[in-house]
Amino acid sequence: MAKVVESGKTAVIAIPWLGTSFTVLSGLSFLIICMLLPMVGQAGNAMPFARQNRLAFALFVISSLALSMLAIASKLARRKADNSPLPWLSIALSATCVLLLLALFGGLLAI
């Protein structure tokens, strides 16, 4: 287990395989988001259950954002302990999820 330098105690979130697991899970979650994207597009908006489609899509984007934020937190805690590199993939995935949420709530995906 990696140790956090400031507290001197072993932090559970700084375990190396935990950050990697969160990164893999957030990547798989984003793959599902890419497959669900057509259901909030123009064809999905023409359906009578378009509201449920947007809600399901928003829940998947929020869960992917949560997983990527957990990956960032875990990898930054590990970075304090062993000076590992910045989690650029998780940061980019978080930014993409935030942009997707803004586009969804702004109505840009339904065009």
PDB file of N, CA and C in Angstrom:
ATOM      1  N   MET A   1       0.824  -1.181   0.000  1.00  0.00           N
ATOM      2  CA  MET A   1       0.000   0.000   0.000  1.00  0.00           C
ATOM      3  C   MET A   1       0.868   1.244   0.000  1.00  0.00           C
ATOM      4  N   ALA A   2       0.364   2.244  -0.679  1.00  0.00           N
ATOM      5  CA  ALA A   2       1.076   3.515  -0.695  1.00  0.00           C
ATOM      6  C   ALA A   2       0.733   4.299   0.567  1.00  0.00           C
ATOM      7  N   LYS A   3       1.635   5.134   0.956  1.00  0.00           N
ATOM      8  CA  LYS A   3       1.419   5.920   2.170  1.00  0.00           C
ATOM      9  C   LYS A   3       1.329   7.397   1.818  1.00  0.00           C
ATOM     10  N   VAL A   4       0.422   8.056   2.473  1.00  0.00           N
ATOM     11  CA  VAL A   4       0.301   9.498   2.297  1.00  0.00           C
ATOM     12  C   VAL A   4       1.376  10.152   3.133  1.00  0.00           C
ATOM     13  N   VAL A   5       2.113  11.063   2.533  1.00  0.00           N
ATOM     14  CA  VAL A   5       3.275  11.657   3.178  1.00  0.00           C
ATOM     15  C   VAL A   5       2.877  12.531   4.366  1.00  0.00           C
ATOM     16  N   GLU A   6       1.803  13.317   4.223  1.00  0.00           N
ATOM     17  CA  GLU A   6       1.469  14.294   5.248  1.00  0.00           C
ATOM     18  C   GLU A   6       1.007  13.654   6.549  1.00  0.00           C
ATOM     19  N   SER A   7       0.162  12.650   6.465  1.00  0.00           N
ATOM     20  CA  SER A   7      -0.409  12.103   7.686  1.00  0.00           C
ATOM     21  C   SER A   7       0.409  10.953   8.256  1.00  0.00           C
ATOM     22  N   GLY A   8       1.206  10.306   7.448  1.00  0.00           N
ATOM     23  CA  GLY A   8       1.985   9.183   7.925  1.00  0.00           C
ATOM     24  C   GLY A   8       1.176   7.903   8.050  1.00  0.00           C
ATOM     25  N   LYS A   9      -0.113   7.952   7.740  1.00  0.00           N
ATOM     26  CA  LYS A   9      -0.969   6.775   7.804  1.00  0.00           C
ATOM     27  C   LYS A   9      -1.234   6.280   6.392  1.00  0.00           C
ATOM     28  N   THR A  10      -1.609   5.031   6.288  1.00  0.00           N
ATOM     29  CA  THR A  10      -1.935   4.466   4.998  1.00  0.00           C
ATOM     30  C   THR A  10      -3.345   4.903   4.607  1.00  0.00           C
ATOM     31  N   ALA A  11      -3.454   5.546   3.483  1.00  0.00           N
ATOM     32  CA  ALA A  11      -4.763   5.983   2.997  1.00  0.00           C
ATOM     33  C   ALA A  11      -5.329   4.925   2.061  1.00  0.00           C
ATOM     34  N   VAL A  12      -6.565   4.572   2.278  1.00  0.00           N
ATOM     35  CA  VAL A  12      -7.195   3.543   1.459  1.00  0.00           C
ATOM     36  C   VAL A  12      -7.327   4.008   0.017  1.00  0.00           C
ATOM     37  N   ILE A  13      -7.605   5.281  -0.180  1.00  0.00           N
ATOM     38  CA  ILE A  13      -7.810   5.786  -1.535  1.00  0.00           C
ATOM     39  C   ILE A  13      -6.504   5.837  -2.338  1.00  0.00           C
ATOM     40  N   ALA A  14      -5.363   5.750  -1.687  1.00  0.00           N
ATOM     41  CA  ALA A  14      -4.076   5.836  -2.384  1.00  0.00           C
ATOM     42  C   ALA A  14      -3.537   4.479  -2.808  1.00  0.00           C
ATOM     43  N   ILE A  15      -4.316   3.426  -2.672  1.00  0.00           N
ATOM     44  CA  ILE A  15      -3.882   2.101  -3.122  1.00  0.00           C
ATOM     45  C   ILE A  15      -3.744   2.134  -4.646  1.00  0.00           C
ATOM     46  N   PRO A  16      -2.615   1.680  -5.196  1.00  0.00           N
ATOM     47  CA  PRO A  16      -2.396   1.805  -6.644  1.00  0.00           C
ATOM     48  C   PRO A  16      -3.453   1.116  -7.506  1.00  0.00           C
ATOM     49  N   TRP A  17      -3.872  -0.067  -7.145  1.00  0.00           N
ATOM     50  CA  TRP A  17      -4.835  -0.779  -7.999  1.00  0.00           C
ATOM     51  C   TRP A  17      -6.228  -0.163  -7.913  1.00  0.00           C
ATOM     52  N   LEU A  18      -6.506   0.583  -6.868  1.00  0.00           N
ATOM     53  CA  LEU A  18      -7.816   1.200  -6.728  1.00  0.00           C
ATOM     54  C   LEU A  18      -7.997   2.332  -7.745  1.00  0.00           C
ATOM     55  N   GLY A  19      -6.992   3.170  -7.892  1.00  0.00           N
ATOM     56  CA  GLY A  19      -7.067   4.242  -8.885  1.00  0.00           C
ATOM     57  C   GLY A  19      -7.156   3.704 -10.299  1.00  0.00           C
ATOM     58  N   THR A  20      -6.404   2.633 -10.564  1.00  0.00           N
ATOM     59  CA  THR A  20      -6.466   2.008 -11.887  1.00  0.00           C
ATOM     60  C   THR A  20      -7.839   1.401 -12.133  1.00  0.00           C
ATOM     61  N   SER A  21      -8.409   0.791 -11.118  1.00  0.00           N
ATOM     62  CA  SER A  21      -9.748   0.205 -11.257  1.00  0.00           C
ATOM     63  C   SER A  21     -10.793   1.278 -11.537  1.00  0.00           C
ATOM     64  N   PHE A  22     -10.717   2.398 -10.821  1.00  0.00           N
ATOM     65  CA  PHE A  22     -11.644   3.500 -11.078  1.00  0.00           C
ATOM     66  C   PHE A  22     -11.475   4.045 -12.490  1.00  0.00           C
ATOM     67  N   THR A  23     -10.247   4.108 -12.969  1.00  0.00           N
ATOM     68  CA  THR A  23      -9.997   4.596 -14.322  1.00  0.00           C
ATOM     69  C   THR A  23     -10.587   3.663 -15.364  1.00  0.00           C
ATOM     70  N   VAL A  24     -10.388   2.371 -15.190  1.00  0.00           N
ATOM     71  CA  VAL A  24     -10.934   1.390 -16.133  1.00  0.00           C
ATOM     72  C   VAL A  24     -12.462   1.414 -16.109  1.00  0.00           C
ATOM     73  N   LEU A  25     -13.044   1.462 -14.911  1.00  0.00           N
ATOM     74  CA  LEU A  25     -14.506   1.503 -14.803  1.00  0.00           C
ATOM     75  C   LEU A  25     -15.087   2.776 -15.413  1.00  0.00           C
ATOM     76  N   SER A  26     -14.417   3.899 -15.223  1.00  0.00           N
ATOM     77  CA  SER A  26     -14.921   5.137 -15.826  1.00  0.00           C
ATOM     78  C   SER A  26     -14.782   5.093 -17.343  1.00  0.00           C
ATOM     79  N   GLY A  27     -13.736   4.470 -17.848  1.00  0.00           N
ATOM     80  CA  GLY A  27     -13.593   4.314 -19.300  1.00  0.00           C
ATOM     81  C   GLY A  27     -14.674   3.416 -19.885  1.00  0.00           C
ATOM     82  N   LEU A  28     -14.986   2.328 -19.202  1.00  0.00           N
ATOM     83  CA  LEU A  28     -16.069   1.450 -19.657  1.00  0.00           C
ATOM     84  C   LEU A  28     -17.418   2.149 -19.575  1.00  0.00           C
ATOM     85  N   SER A  29     -17.602   2.929 -18.538  1.00  0.00           N
ATOM     86  CA  SER A  29     -18.834   3.699 -18.406  1.00  0.00           C
ATOM     87  C   SER A  29     -18.958   4.715 -19.535  1.00  0.00           C
ATOM     88  N   PHE A  30     -17.855   5.322 -19.929  1.00  0.00           N
ATOM     89  CA  PHE A  30     -17.892   6.265 -21.040  1.00  0.00           C
ATOM     90  C   PHE A  30     -18.192   5.547 -22.351  1.00  0.00           C
ATOM     91  N   LEU A  31     -17.731   4.320 -22.507  1.00  0.00           N
ATOM     92  CA  LEU A  31     -18.060   3.527 -23.692  1.00  0.00           C
ATOM     93  C   LEU A  31     -19.572   3.303 -23.777  1.00  0.00           C
ATOM     94  N   ILE A  32     -20.197   3.028 -22.639  1.00  0.00           N
ATOM     95  CA  ILE A  32     -21.649   2.868 -22.609  1.00  0.00           C
ATOM     96  C   ILE A  32     -22.333   4.189 -22.963  1.00  0.00           C
ATOM     97  N   ILE A  33     -21.788   5.295 -22.491  1.00  0.00           N
ATOM     98  CA  ILE A  33     -22.339   6.608 -22.826  1.00  0.00           C
ATOM     99  C   ILE A  33     -22.294   6.826 -24.342  1.00  0.00           C
ATOM    100  N   CYS A  34     -21.197   6.451 -24.959  1.00  0.00           N
ATOM    101  CA  CYS A  34     -21.088   6.608 -26.412  1.00  0.00           C
ATOM    102  C   CYS A  34     -22.127   5.764 -27.143  1.00  0.00           C
ATOM    103  N   MET A  35     -22.447   4.594 -26.597  1.00  0.00           N
ATOM    104  CA  MET A  35     -23.475   3.754 -27.217  1.00  0.00           C
ATOM    105  C   MET A  35     -24.876   4.304 -26.969  1.00  0.00           C
ATOM    106  N   LEU A  36     -25.072   4.991 -25.861  1.00  0.00           N
ATOM    107  CA  LEU A  36     -26.385   5.552 -25.532  1.00  0.00           C
ATOM    108  C   LEU A  36     -26.618   6.930 -26.139  1.00  0.00           C
ATOM    109  N   LEU A  37     -25.614   7.530 -26.698  1.00  0.00           N
ATOM    110  CA  LEU A  37     -25.726   8.886 -27.236  1.00  0.00           C
ATOM    111  C   LEU A  37     -26.837   9.049 -28.275  1.00  0.00           C
ATOM    112  N   PRO A  38     -27.068   8.092 -29.176  1.00  0.00           N
ATOM    113  CA  PRO A  38     -28.158   8.285 -30.144  1.00  0.00           C
ATOM    114  C   PRO A  38     -29.544   8.395 -29.517  1.00  0.00           C
ATOM    115  N   MET A  39     -29.741   7.873 -28.324  1.00  0.00           N
ATOM    116  CA  MET A  39     -31.082   7.928 -27.749  1.00  0.00           C
ATOM    117  C   MET A  39     -31.442   9.309 -27.207  1.00  0.00           C
ATOM    118  N   VAL A  40     -30.500  10.232 -27.154  1.00  0.00           N
ATOM    119  CA  VAL A  40     -30.824  11.605 -26.781  1.00  0.00           C
ATOM    120  C   VAL A  40     -30.648  12.558 -27.961  1.00  0.00           C
ATOM    121  N   GLY A  41     -30.398  11.995 -29.127  1.00  0.00           N
ATOM    122  CA  GLY A  41     -30.238  12.809 -30.325  1.00  0.00           C
ATOM    123  C   GLY A  41     -31.572  13.142 -30.958  1.00  0.00           C
ATOM    124  N   GLN A  42     -31.517  13.469 -32.221  1.00  0.00           N
ATOM    125  CA  GLN A  42     -32.709  13.892 -32.941  1.00  0.00           C
ATOM    126  C   GLN A  42     -33.737  12.762 -33.041  1.00  0.00           C
ATOM    127  N   ALA A  43     -33.302  11.557 -33.324  1.00  0.00           N
ATOM    128  CA  ALA A  43     -34.226  10.430 -33.430  1.00  0.00           C
ATOM    129  C   ALA A  43     -34.813  10.066 -32.067  1.00  0.00           C
ATOM    130  N   GLY A  44     -34.007  10.168 -31.029  1.00  0.00           N
ATOM    131  CA  GLY A  44     -34.496   9.852 -29.690  1.00  0.00           C
ATOM    132  C   GLY A  44     -35.504  10.861 -29.171  1.00  0.00           C
ATOM    133  N   ASN A  45     -35.380  12.097 -29.616  1.00  0.00           N
ATOM    134  CA  ASN A  45     -36.318  13.137 -29.194  1.00  0.00           C
ATOM    135  C   ASN A  45     -37.686  12.984 -29.838  1.00  0.00           C
ATOM    136  N   ALA A  46     -37.779  12.259 -30.933  1.00  0.00           N
ATOM    137  CA  ALA A  46     -39.051  12.064 -31.618  1.00  0.00           C
ATOM    138  C   ALA A  46     -39.893  10.977 -30.948  1.00  0.00           C
ATOM    139  N   MET A  47     -39.319  10.246 -30.022  1.00  0.00           N
ATOM    140  CA  MET A  47     -40.028   9.160 -29.343  1.00  0.00           C
ATOM    141  C   MET A  47     -40.889   9.704 -28.207  1.00  0.00           C
ATOM    142  N   PRO A  48     -41.962   8.981 -27.871  1.00  0.00           N
ATOM    143  CA  PRO A  48     -42.812   9.449 -26.765  1.00  0.00           C
ATOM    144  C   PRO A  48     -42.135   9.331 -25.396  1.00  0.00           C
ATOM    145  N   PHE A  49     -41.098   8.531 -25.290  1.00  0.00           N
ATOM    146  CA  PHE A  49     -40.396   8.346 -24.017  1.00  0.00           C
ATOM    147  C   PHE A  49     -39.046   9.050 -24.026  1.00  0.00           C
ATOM    148  N   ALA A  50     -38.966  10.198 -24.673  1.00  0.00           N
ATOM    149  CA  ALA A  50     -37.711  10.943 -24.790  1.00  0.00           C
ATOM    150  C   ALA A  50     -37.236  11.445 -23.432  1.00  0.00           C
ATOM    151  N   ARG A  51     -38.170  11.782 -22.551  1.00  0.00           N
ATOM    152  CA  ARG A  51     -37.781  12.279 -21.228  1.00  0.00           C
ATOM    153  C   ARG A  51     -37.051  11.195 -20.424  1.00  0.00           C
ATOM    154  N   GLN A  52     -37.549   9.968 -20.496  1.00  0.00           N
ATOM    155  CA  GLN A  52     -36.886   8.861 -19.799  1.00  0.00           C
ATOM    156  C   GLN A  52     -35.513   8.575 -20.410  1.00  0.00           C
ATOM    157  N   ASN A  53     -35.400   8.739 -21.730  1.00  0.00           N
ATOM    158  CA  ASN A  53     -34.100   8.557 -22.386  1.00  0.00           C
ATOM    159  C   ASN A  53     -33.085   9.575 -21.876  1.00  0.00           C
ATOM    160  N   ARG A  54     -33.502  10.848 -21.785  1.00  0.00           N
ATOM    161  CA  ARG A  54     -32.590  11.890 -21.291  1.00  0.00           C
ATOM    162  C   ARG A  54     -32.198  11.641 -19.837  1.00  0.00           C
ATOM    163  N   LEU A  55     -33.159  11.168 -19.038  1.00  0.00           N
ATOM    164  CA  LEU A  55     -32.864  10.880 -17.636  1.00  0.00           C
ATOM    165  C   LEU A  55     -31.861   9.734 -17.502  1.00  0.00           C
ATOM    166  N   ALA A  56     -32.068   8.669 -18.270  1.00  0.00           N
ATOM    167  CA  ALA A  56     -31.141   7.533 -18.226  1.00  0.00           C
ATOM    168  C   ALA A  56     -29.753   7.952 -18.703  1.00  0.00           C
ATOM    169  N   PHE A  57     -29.691   8.743 -19.756  1.00  0.00           N
ATOM    170  CA  PHE A  57     -28.407   9.213 -20.265  1.00  0.00           C
ATOM    171  C   PHE A  57     -27.709  10.092 -19.234  1.00  0.00           C
ATOM    172  N   ALA A  58     -28.473  10.991 -18.601  1.00  0.00           N
ATOM    173  CA  ALA A  58     -27.890  11.860 -17.577  1.00  0.00           C
ATOM    174  C   ALA A  58     -27.352  11.050 -16.407  1.00  0.00           C
ATOM    175  N   LEU A  59     -28.057  10.002 -16.007  1.00  0.00           N
ATOM    176  CA  LEU A  59     -27.582   9.160 -14.906  1.00  0.00           C
ATOM    177  C   LEU A  59     -26.283   8.451 -15.271  1.00  0.00           C
ATOM    178  N   PHE A  60     -26.170   7.988 -16.505  1.00  0.00           N
ATOM    179  CA  PHE A  60     -24.929   7.333 -16.930  1.00  0.00           C
ATOM    180  C   PHE A  60     -23.778   8.337 -16.995  1.00  0.00           C
ATOM    181  N   VAL A  61     -24.041   9.529 -17.451  1.00  0.00           N
ATOM    182  CA  VAL A  61     -22.978  10.546 -17.514  1.00  0.00           C
ATOM    183  C   VAL A  61     -22.537  10.936 -16.104  1.00  0.00           C
ATOM    184  N   ILE A  62     -23.495  11.076 -15.201  1.00  0.00           N
ATOM    185  CA  ILE A  62     -23.159  11.432 -13.817  1.00  0.00           C
ATOM    186  C   ILE A  62     -22.368  10.310 -13.146  1.00  0.00           C
ATOM    187  N   SER A  63     -22.738   9.052 -13.412  1.00  0.00           N
ATOM    188  CA  SER A  63     -21.984   7.941 -12.811  1.00  0.00           C
ATOM    189  C   SER A  63     -20.572   7.857 -13.391  1.00  0.00           C
ATOM    190  N   SER A  64     -20.436   8.115 -14.676  1.00  0.00           N
ATOM    191  CA  SER A  64     -19.101   8.128 -15.283  1.00  0.00           C
ATOM    192  C   SER A  64     -18.267   9.278 -14.731  1.00  0.00           C
ATOM    193  N   LEU A  65     -18.898  10.419 -14.515  1.00  0.00           N
ATOM    194  CA  LEU A  65     -18.201  11.562 -13.922  1.00  0.00           C
ATOM    195  C   LEU A  65     -17.757  11.243 -12.495  1.00  0.00           C
ATOM    196  N   ALA A  66     -18.622  10.593 -11.736  1.00  0.00           N
ATOM    197  CA  ALA A  66     -18.263  10.225 -10.360  1.00  0.00           C
ATOM    198  C   ALA A  66     -17.094   9.243 -10.342  1.00  0.00           C
ATOM    199  N   LEU A  67     -17.123   8.257 -11.235  1.00  0.00           N
ATOM    200  CA  LEU A  67     -16.019   7.289 -11.285  1.00  0.00           C
ATOM    201  C   LEU A  67     -14.708   7.959 -11.693  1.00  0.00           C
ATOM    202  N   SER A  68     -14.764   8.866 -12.647  1.00  0.00           N
ATOM    203  CA  SER A  68     -13.526   9.534 -13.062  1.00  0.00           C
ATOM    204  C   SER A  68     -13.018  10.483 -11.983  1.00  0.00           C
ATOM    205  N   MET A  69     -13.928  11.106 -11.234  1.00  0.00           N
ATOM    206  CA  MET A  69     -13.495  11.958 -10.125  1.00  0.00           C
ATOM    207  C   MET A  69     -12.860  11.117  -9.007  1.00  0.00           C
ATOM    208  N   LEU A  70     -13.418   9.937  -8.752  1.00  0.00           N
ATOM    209  CA  LEU A  70     -12.792   9.038  -7.781  1.00  0.00           C
ATOM    210  C   LEU A  70     -11.410   8.600  -8.250  1.00  0.00           C
ATOM    211  N   ALA A  71     -11.277   8.355  -9.552  1.00  0.00           N
ATOM    212  CA  ALA A  71      -9.967   7.982 -10.090  1.00  0.00           C
ATOM    213  C   ALA A  71      -8.966   9.124  -9.925  1.00  0.00           C
ATOM    214  N   ILE A  72      -9.414  10.346 -10.168  1.00  0.00           N
ATOM    215  CA  ILE A  72      -8.534  11.506  -9.991  1.00  0.00           C
ATOM    216  C   ILE A  72      -8.112  11.633  -8.532  1.00  0.00           C
ATOM    217  N   ALA A  73      -9.073  11.508  -7.623  1.00  0.00           N
ATOM    218  CA  ALA A  73      -8.753  11.632  -6.196  1.00  0.00           C
ATOM    219  C   ALA A  73      -7.775  10.551  -5.751  1.00  0.00           C
ATOM    220  N   SER A  74      -8.001   9.330  -6.214  1.00  0.00           N
ATOM    221  CA  SER A  74      -7.124   8.225  -5.835  1.00  0.00           C
ATOM    222  C   SER A  74      -5.712   8.420  -6.390  1.00  0.00           C
ATOM    223  N   LYS A  75      -5.639   8.809  -7.654  1.00  0.00           N
ATOM    224  CA  LYS A  75      -4.317   8.964  -8.256  1.00  0.00           C
ATOM    225  C   LYS A  75      -3.572  10.188  -7.734  1.00  0.00           C
ATOM    226  N   LEU A  76      -4.300  11.242  -7.347  1.00  0.00           N
ATOM    227  CA  LEU A  76      -3.625  12.390  -6.747  1.00  0.00           C
ATOM    228  C   LEU A  76      -3.127  12.066  -5.338  1.00  0.00           C
ATOM    229  N   ALA A  77      -3.886  11.251  -4.595  1.00  0.00           N
ATOM    230  CA  ALA A  77      -3.413  10.816  -3.277  1.00  0.00           C
ATOM    231  C   ALA A  77      -2.179   9.933  -3.425  1.00  0.00           C
ATOM    232  N   ARG A  78      -2.183   9.109  -4.446  1.00  0.00           N
ATOM    233  CA  ARG A  78      -1.008   8.269  -4.698  1.00  0.00           C
ATOM    234  C   ARG A  78       0.171   9.124  -5.157  1.00  0.00           C
ATOM    235  N   ARG A  79      -0.116  10.175  -5.902  1.00  0.00           N
ATOM    236  CA  ARG A  79       0.946  11.068  -6.378  1.00  0.00           C
ATOM    237  C   ARG A  79       1.670  11.724  -5.214  1.00  0.00           C
ATOM    238  N   LYS A  80       0.933  12.047  -4.139  1.00  0.00           N
ATOM    239  CA  LYS A  80       1.573  12.617  -2.954  1.00  0.00           C
ATOM    240  C   LYS A  80       2.528  11.627  -2.310  1.00  0.00           C
ATOM    241  N   ALA A  81       2.178  10.345  -2.387  1.00  0.00           N
ATOM    242  CA  ALA A  81       2.991   9.328  -1.719  1.00  0.00           C
ATOM    243  C   ALA A  81       4.229   8.932  -2.522  1.00  0.00           C
ATOM    244  N   ASP A  82       4.062   8.727  -3.844  1.00  0.00           N
ATOM    245  CA  ASP A  82       5.204   8.209  -4.609  1.00  0.00           C
ATOM    246  C   ASP A  82       5.548   9.027  -5.854  1.00  0.00           C
ATOM    247  N   ASN A  83       4.983  10.238  -5.953  1.00  0.00           N
ATOM    248  CA  ASN A  83       5.293  11.146  -7.049  1.00  0.00           C
ATOM    249  C   ASN A  83       5.014  10.525  -8.417  1.00  0.00           C
ATOM    250  N   SER A  84       3.902   9.815  -8.524  1.00  0.00           N
ATOM    251  CA  SER A  84       3.495   9.238  -9.801  1.00  0.00           C
ATOM    252  C   SER A  84       2.949  10.343 -10.709  1.00  0.00           C
ATOM    253  N   PRO A  85       2.783  10.061 -12.005  1.00  0.00           N
ATOM    254  CA  PRO A  85       2.363  11.118 -12.931  1.00  0.00           C
ATOM    255  C   PRO A  85       0.913  11.559 -12.727  1.00  0.00           C
ATOM    256  N   LEU A  86       0.589  12.704 -13.283  1.00  0.00           N
ATOM    257  CA  LEU A  86      -0.776  13.224 -13.208  1.00  0.00           C
ATOM    258  C   LEU A  86      -1.738  12.323 -13.988  1.00  0.00           C
ATOM    259  N   PRO A  87      -2.962  12.176 -13.516  1.00  0.00           N
ATOM    260  CA  PRO A  87      -3.938  11.324 -14.209  1.00  0.00           C
ATOM    261  C   PRO A  87      -4.631  12.077 -15.355  1.00  0.00           C
ATOM    262  N   TRP A  88      -3.903  12.309 -16.442  1.00  0.00           N
ATOM    263  CA  TRP A  88      -4.433  13.104 -17.551  1.00  0.00           C
ATOM    264  C   TRP A  88      -5.669  12.466 -18.176  1.00  0.00           C
ATOM    265  N   LEU A  89      -5.699  11.150 -18.288  1.00  0.00           N
ATOM    266  CA  LEU A  89      -6.843  10.474 -18.892  1.00  0.00           C
ATOM    267  C   LEU A  89      -8.109  10.696 -18.067  1.00  0.00           C
ATOM    268  N   SER A  90      -7.999  10.572 -16.783  1.00  0.00           N
ATOM    269  CA  SER A  90      -9.156  10.773 -15.910  1.00  0.00           C
ATOM    270  C   SER A  90      -9.600  12.232 -15.900  1.00  0.00           C
ATOM    271  N   ILE A  91      -8.654  13.149 -15.959  1.00  0.00           N
ATOM    272  CA  ILE A  91      -9.000  14.566 -16.017  1.00  0.00           C
ATOM    273  C   ILE A  91      -9.724  14.886 -17.323  1.00  0.00           C
ATOM    274  N   ALA A  92      -9.232  14.329 -18.431  1.00  0.00           N
ATOM    275  CA  ALA A  92      -9.882  14.559 -19.727  1.00  0.00           C
ATOM    276  C   ALA A  92     -11.274  13.932 -19.755  1.00  0.00           C
ATOM    277  N   LEU A  93     -11.422  12.761 -19.162  1.00  0.00           N
ATOM    278  CA  LEU A  93     -12.724  12.106 -19.124  1.00  0.00           C
ATOM    279  C   LEU A  93     -13.707  12.892 -18.263  1.00  0.00           C
ATOM    280  N   SER A  94     -13.240  13.441 -17.160  1.00  0.00           N
ATOM    281  CA  SER A  94     -14.107  14.275 -16.318  1.00  0.00           C
ATOM    282  C   SER A  94     -14.558  15.524 -17.064  1.00  0.00           C
ATOM    283  N   ALA A  95     -13.641  16.150 -17.764  1.00  0.00           N
ATOM    284  CA  ALA A  95     -13.991  17.352 -18.534  1.00  0.00           C
ATOM    285  C   ALA A  95     -14.987  17.021 -19.640  1.00  0.00           C
ATOM    286  N   THR A  96     -14.807  15.882 -20.288  1.00  0.00           N
ATOM    287  CA  THR A  96     -15.733  15.458 -21.333  1.00  0.00           C
ATOM    288  C   THR A  96     -17.119  15.191 -20.767  1.00  0.00           C
ATOM    289  N   CYS A  97     -17.178  14.569 -19.603  1.00  0.00           N
ATOM    290  CA  CYS A  97     -18.475  14.302 -18.971  1.00  0.00           C
ATOM    291  C   CYS A  97     -19.173  15.597 -18.566  1.00  0.00           C
ATOM    292  N   VAL A  98     -18.417  16.554 -18.070  1.00  0.00           N
ATOM    293  CA  VAL A  98     -19.011  17.850 -17.717  1.00  0.00           C
ATOM    294  C   VAL A  98     -19.545  18.539 -18.974  1.00  0.00           C
ATOM    295  N   LEU A  99     -18.789  18.494 -20.065  1.00  0.00           N
ATOM    296  CA  LEU A  99     -19.254  19.090 -21.316  1.00  0.00           C
ATOM    297  C   LEU A  99     -20.498  18.384 -21.844  1.00  0.00           C
ATOM    298  N   LEU A 100     -20.544  17.056 -21.711  1.00  0.00           N
ATOM    299  CA  LEU A 100     -21.732  16.309 -22.132  1.00  0.00           C
ATOM    300  C   LEU A 100     -22.958  16.683 -21.303  1.00  0.00           C
ATOM    301  N   LEU A 101     -22.773  16.848 -20.006  1.00  0.00           N
ATOM    302  CA  LEU A 101     -23.891  17.250 -19.160  1.00  0.00           C
ATOM    303  C   LEU A 101     -24.382  18.647 -19.533  1.00  0.00           C
ATOM    304  N   LEU A 102     -23.452  19.563 -19.773  1.00  0.00           N
ATOM    305  CA  LEU A 102     -23.840  20.910 -20.186  1.00  0.00           C
ATOM    306  C   LEU A 102     -24.576  20.889 -21.524  1.00  0.00           C
ATOM    307  N   ALA A 103     -24.092  20.076 -22.451  1.00  0.00           N
ATOM    308  CA  ALA A 103     -24.750  19.971 -23.753  1.00  0.00           C
ATOM    309  C   ALA A 103     -26.129  19.320 -23.624  1.00  0.00           C
ATOM    310  N   LEU A 104     -26.254  18.340 -22.746  1.00  0.00           N
ATOM    311  CA  LEU A 104     -27.542  17.671 -22.554  1.00  0.00           C
ATOM    312  C   LEU A 104     -28.556  18.616 -21.947  1.00  0.00           C
ATOM    313  N   PHE A 105     -28.173  19.318 -20.887  1.00  0.00           N
ATOM    314  CA  PHE A 105     -29.108  20.230 -20.226  1.00  0.00           C
ATOM    315  C   PHE A 105     -29.335  21.513 -21.022  1.00  0.00           C
ATOM    316  N   GLY A 106     -28.395  21.830 -21.897  1.00  0.00           N
ATOM    317  CA  GLY A 106     -28.561  22.995 -22.754  1.00  0.00           C
ATOM    318  C   GLY A 106     -29.353  22.696 -24.029  1.00  0.00           C
ATOM    319  N   GLY A 107     -29.685  21.438 -24.246  1.00  0.00           N
ATOM    320  CA  GLY A 107     -30.463  21.041 -25.420  1.00  0.00           C
ATOM    321  C   GLY A 107     -29.649  20.909 -26.687  1.00  0.00           C
ATOM    322  N   LEU A 108     -28.328  20.908 -26.599  1.00  0.00           N
ATOM    323  CA  LEU A 108     -27.497  20.831 -27.798  1.00  0.00           C
ATOM    324  C   LEU A 108     -27.423  19.436 -28.388  1.00  0.00           C
ATOM    325  N   LEU A 109     -27.720  18.412 -27.613  1.00  0.00           N
ATOM    326  CA  LEU A 109     -27.656  17.037 -28.138  1.00  0.00           C
ATOM    327  C   LEU A 109     -28.906  16.674 -28.930  1.00  0.00           C
ATOM    328  N   ALA A 110     -29.975  17.404 -28.757  1.00  0.00           N
ATOM    329  CA  ALA A 110     -31.236  17.091 -29.417  1.00  0.00           C
ATOM    330  C   ALA A 110     -31.360  17.721 -30.804  1.00  0.00           C
ATOM    331  N   ILE A 111     -30.326  18.398 -31.251  1.00  0.00           N
ATOM    332  CA  ILE A 111     -30.397  19.089 -32.550  1.00  0.00           C
ATOM    333  C   ILE A 111     -30.394  18.094 -33.686  1.00  0.00           C
TER     334      ILE A 111
END
